[in-house]
N, C-alpha and C. Protein backbone atom coordinates (compact mmCIF):
# COMPACT_ATOMS: atom_id res chain seq x y z
N UNK A 1 141.21 8.33 45.75
CA UNK A 1 141.94 9.31 46.53
C UNK A 1 143.42 8.90 46.65
N UNK A 2 143.64 7.61 46.87
CA UNK A 2 145.03 7.14 46.98
C UNK A 2 145.80 7.33 45.68
N UNK A 3 145.10 7.19 44.57
CA UNK A 3 145.76 7.37 43.27
C UNK A 3 146.21 8.82 43.09
N UNK A 4 145.40 9.75 43.51
CA UNK A 4 145.75 11.17 43.39
C UNK A 4 146.95 11.48 44.26
N UNK A 5 146.97 10.96 45.49
CA UNK A 5 148.10 11.19 46.40
C UNK A 5 149.36 10.56 45.83
N UNK A 6 149.25 9.36 45.27
CA UNK A 6 150.41 8.70 44.68
C UNK A 6 150.95 9.49 43.49
N UNK A 7 150.05 10.04 42.68
CA UNK A 7 150.48 10.84 41.54
C UNK A 7 151.17 12.12 42.01
N UNK A 8 150.61 12.76 43.03
CA UNK A 8 151.23 13.97 43.57
C UNK A 8 152.61 13.70 44.15
N UNK A 9 152.75 12.62 44.87
CA UNK A 9 154.06 12.25 45.44
C UNK A 9 155.04 11.96 44.32
N UNK A 10 154.59 11.27 43.27
CA UNK A 10 155.45 10.99 42.12
C UNK A 10 155.89 12.26 41.43
N UNK A 11 154.99 13.21 41.28
CA UNK A 11 155.34 14.49 40.67
C UNK A 11 156.34 15.26 41.51
N UNK A 12 156.18 15.21 42.82
CA UNK A 12 157.13 15.89 43.71
C UNK A 12 158.53 15.32 43.52
N UNK A 13 158.65 14.00 43.44
CA UNK A 13 159.96 13.38 43.24
C UNK A 13 160.54 13.73 41.87
N UNK A 14 159.70 13.77 40.85
CA UNK A 14 160.18 14.11 39.51
C UNK A 14 160.67 15.55 39.44
N UNK A 15 159.94 16.46 40.07
CA UNK A 15 160.34 17.86 40.06
C UNK A 15 161.64 18.04 40.82
N UNK A 16 161.79 17.36 41.96
CA UNK A 16 163.03 17.45 42.73
C UNK A 16 164.21 16.88 41.95
N UNK A 17 164.00 15.77 41.26
CA UNK A 17 165.08 15.15 40.50
C UNK A 17 165.50 16.05 39.34
N UNK A 18 164.55 16.70 38.70
CA UNK A 18 164.88 17.58 37.57
C UNK A 18 165.59 18.84 38.06
N UNK A 19 165.27 19.30 39.25
CA UNK A 19 165.88 20.51 39.78
C UNK A 19 167.28 20.30 40.33
N UNK A 20 167.66 19.07 40.57
CA UNK A 20 168.97 18.78 41.17
C UNK A 20 170.05 18.49 40.14
N UNK A 21 169.74 18.66 38.87
CA UNK A 21 170.77 18.38 37.86
C UNK A 21 171.87 19.43 37.94
N UNK A 22 173.01 19.10 37.36
CA UNK A 22 174.16 20.00 37.41
C UNK A 22 173.90 21.22 36.54
N UNK A 23 174.09 22.37 37.09
CA UNK A 23 173.86 23.63 36.38
C UNK A 23 175.05 23.91 35.46
N UNK A 24 174.82 24.48 34.28
CA UNK A 24 175.94 24.82 33.40
C UNK A 24 176.79 25.93 34.01
N UNK A 25 178.07 25.85 33.74
CA UNK A 25 179.00 26.85 34.29
C UNK A 25 178.82 28.18 33.56
N UNK A 26 178.76 29.25 34.33
CA UNK A 26 178.58 30.58 33.78
C UNK A 26 179.95 31.15 33.45
N UNK A 27 180.09 31.69 32.23
CA UNK A 27 181.34 32.32 31.84
C UNK A 27 181.48 33.65 32.55
N UNK A 28 182.55 33.79 33.29
CA UNK A 28 182.81 35.03 34.00
C UNK A 28 184.25 35.44 33.75
N UNK A 29 184.48 36.73 33.75
CA UNK A 29 185.81 37.27 33.55
C UNK A 29 186.34 37.71 34.90
N UNK A 30 187.52 37.21 35.27
CA UNK A 30 188.14 37.64 36.52
C UNK A 30 188.65 39.06 36.38
N UNK A 31 188.57 39.81 37.45
CA UNK A 31 189.03 41.19 37.41
C UNK A 31 190.53 41.30 37.19
N UNK A 32 191.29 40.28 37.59
CA UNK A 32 192.73 40.30 37.38
C UNK A 32 193.09 40.24 35.89
N UNK A 33 192.16 39.78 35.09
CA UNK A 33 192.41 39.64 33.65
C UNK A 33 192.41 40.99 32.95
N UNK A 34 191.67 41.96 33.44
CA UNK A 34 191.52 43.25 32.77
C UNK A 34 192.44 44.28 33.41
N UNK A 35 193.25 44.92 32.58
CA UNK A 35 194.15 45.97 33.05
C UNK A 35 193.40 47.30 33.16
N UNK A 36 194.05 48.29 33.74
CA UNK A 36 193.43 49.60 33.94
C UNK A 36 193.05 50.25 32.62
N UNK A 37 193.85 50.03 31.58
CA UNK A 37 193.58 50.66 30.29
C UNK A 37 192.64 49.82 29.41
N UNK A 38 191.86 48.93 30.02
CA UNK A 38 190.89 48.07 29.35
C UNK A 38 191.51 47.05 28.39
N UNK A 39 192.78 46.78 28.53
CA UNK A 39 193.40 45.74 27.73
C UNK A 39 193.35 44.43 28.53
N UNK A 40 193.59 43.33 27.85
CA UNK A 40 193.55 42.01 28.50
C UNK A 40 194.94 41.54 28.86
N UNK A 41 195.03 40.86 29.96
CA UNK A 41 196.27 40.23 30.35
C UNK A 41 196.21 38.78 29.87
N UNK A 42 196.80 38.52 28.71
CA UNK A 42 196.68 37.20 28.10
C UNK A 42 197.40 36.13 28.90
N UNK A 43 198.41 36.51 29.67
CA UNK A 43 199.06 35.53 30.53
C UNK A 43 198.07 35.00 31.56
N UNK A 44 197.20 35.85 32.03
CA UNK A 44 196.21 35.42 33.01
C UNK A 44 195.14 34.56 32.34
N UNK A 45 194.75 34.92 31.13
CA UNK A 45 193.71 34.16 30.42
C UNK A 45 194.19 32.74 30.16
N UNK A 46 195.43 32.59 29.72
CA UNK A 46 195.95 31.28 29.34
C UNK A 46 196.86 30.69 30.42
N UNK A 47 196.64 31.03 31.66
CA UNK A 47 197.53 30.59 32.74
C UNK A 47 197.57 29.07 32.88
N UNK A 48 196.44 28.40 32.64
CA UNK A 48 196.42 26.94 32.75
C UNK A 48 197.25 26.32 31.62
N UNK A 49 197.13 26.84 30.43
CA UNK A 49 197.90 26.33 29.30
C UNK A 49 199.39 26.57 29.51
N UNK A 50 199.74 27.74 29.99
CA UNK A 50 201.14 28.06 30.24
C UNK A 50 201.70 27.16 31.33
N UNK A 51 200.93 26.92 32.38
CA UNK A 51 201.38 26.06 33.47
C UNK A 51 201.62 24.63 32.97
N UNK A 52 200.68 24.12 32.15
CA UNK A 52 200.83 22.77 31.61
C UNK A 52 202.06 22.67 30.71
N UNK A 53 202.33 23.69 29.90
CA UNK A 53 203.50 23.67 29.03
C UNK A 53 204.79 23.69 29.85
N UNK A 54 204.83 24.49 30.89
CA UNK A 54 206.01 24.54 31.74
C UNK A 54 206.25 23.20 32.44
N UNK A 55 205.18 22.57 32.92
CA UNK A 55 205.33 21.26 33.56
C UNK A 55 205.84 20.23 32.57
N UNK A 56 205.33 20.27 31.34
CA UNK A 56 205.77 19.34 30.31
C UNK A 56 207.25 19.55 29.99
N UNK A 57 207.66 20.83 29.89
CA UNK A 57 209.07 21.13 29.61
C UNK A 57 209.96 20.66 30.75
N UNK A 58 209.52 20.86 31.99
CA UNK A 58 210.31 20.41 33.13
C UNK A 58 210.45 18.90 33.16
N UNK A 59 209.39 18.19 32.80
CA UNK A 59 209.46 16.72 32.76
C UNK A 59 210.43 16.27 31.67
N UNK A 60 210.42 16.94 30.54
CA UNK A 60 211.34 16.57 29.45
C UNK A 60 212.77 16.85 29.83
N UNK A 61 213.04 17.93 30.55
CA UNK A 61 214.39 18.25 30.98
C UNK A 61 214.89 17.22 31.98
N UNK A 62 214.03 16.78 32.86
CA UNK A 62 214.42 15.78 33.86
C UNK A 62 214.76 14.44 33.19
N UNK A 63 214.09 14.11 32.11
CA UNK A 63 214.33 12.84 31.43
C UNK A 63 215.67 12.83 30.70
N UNK A 64 216.22 13.99 30.34
CA UNK A 64 217.48 14.05 29.62
C UNK A 64 218.63 13.56 30.45
N UNK A 65 218.59 13.78 31.74
CA UNK A 65 219.72 13.41 32.58
C UNK A 65 219.64 11.99 32.91
């Protein structure tokens, strides 16, 4: 009887550990990205890339002086 209880407790811990893993990120489109005429706002799509490029340019400008 103790063996069965030990196995059940072990299974409960295994199921909990498997269920707590990090879930994959779901791809979603922000509503700000889509214009009224169903076109895409590419500035919004690539906003992180644009921000990084601007920061890099600002750092380079500061180094010139």
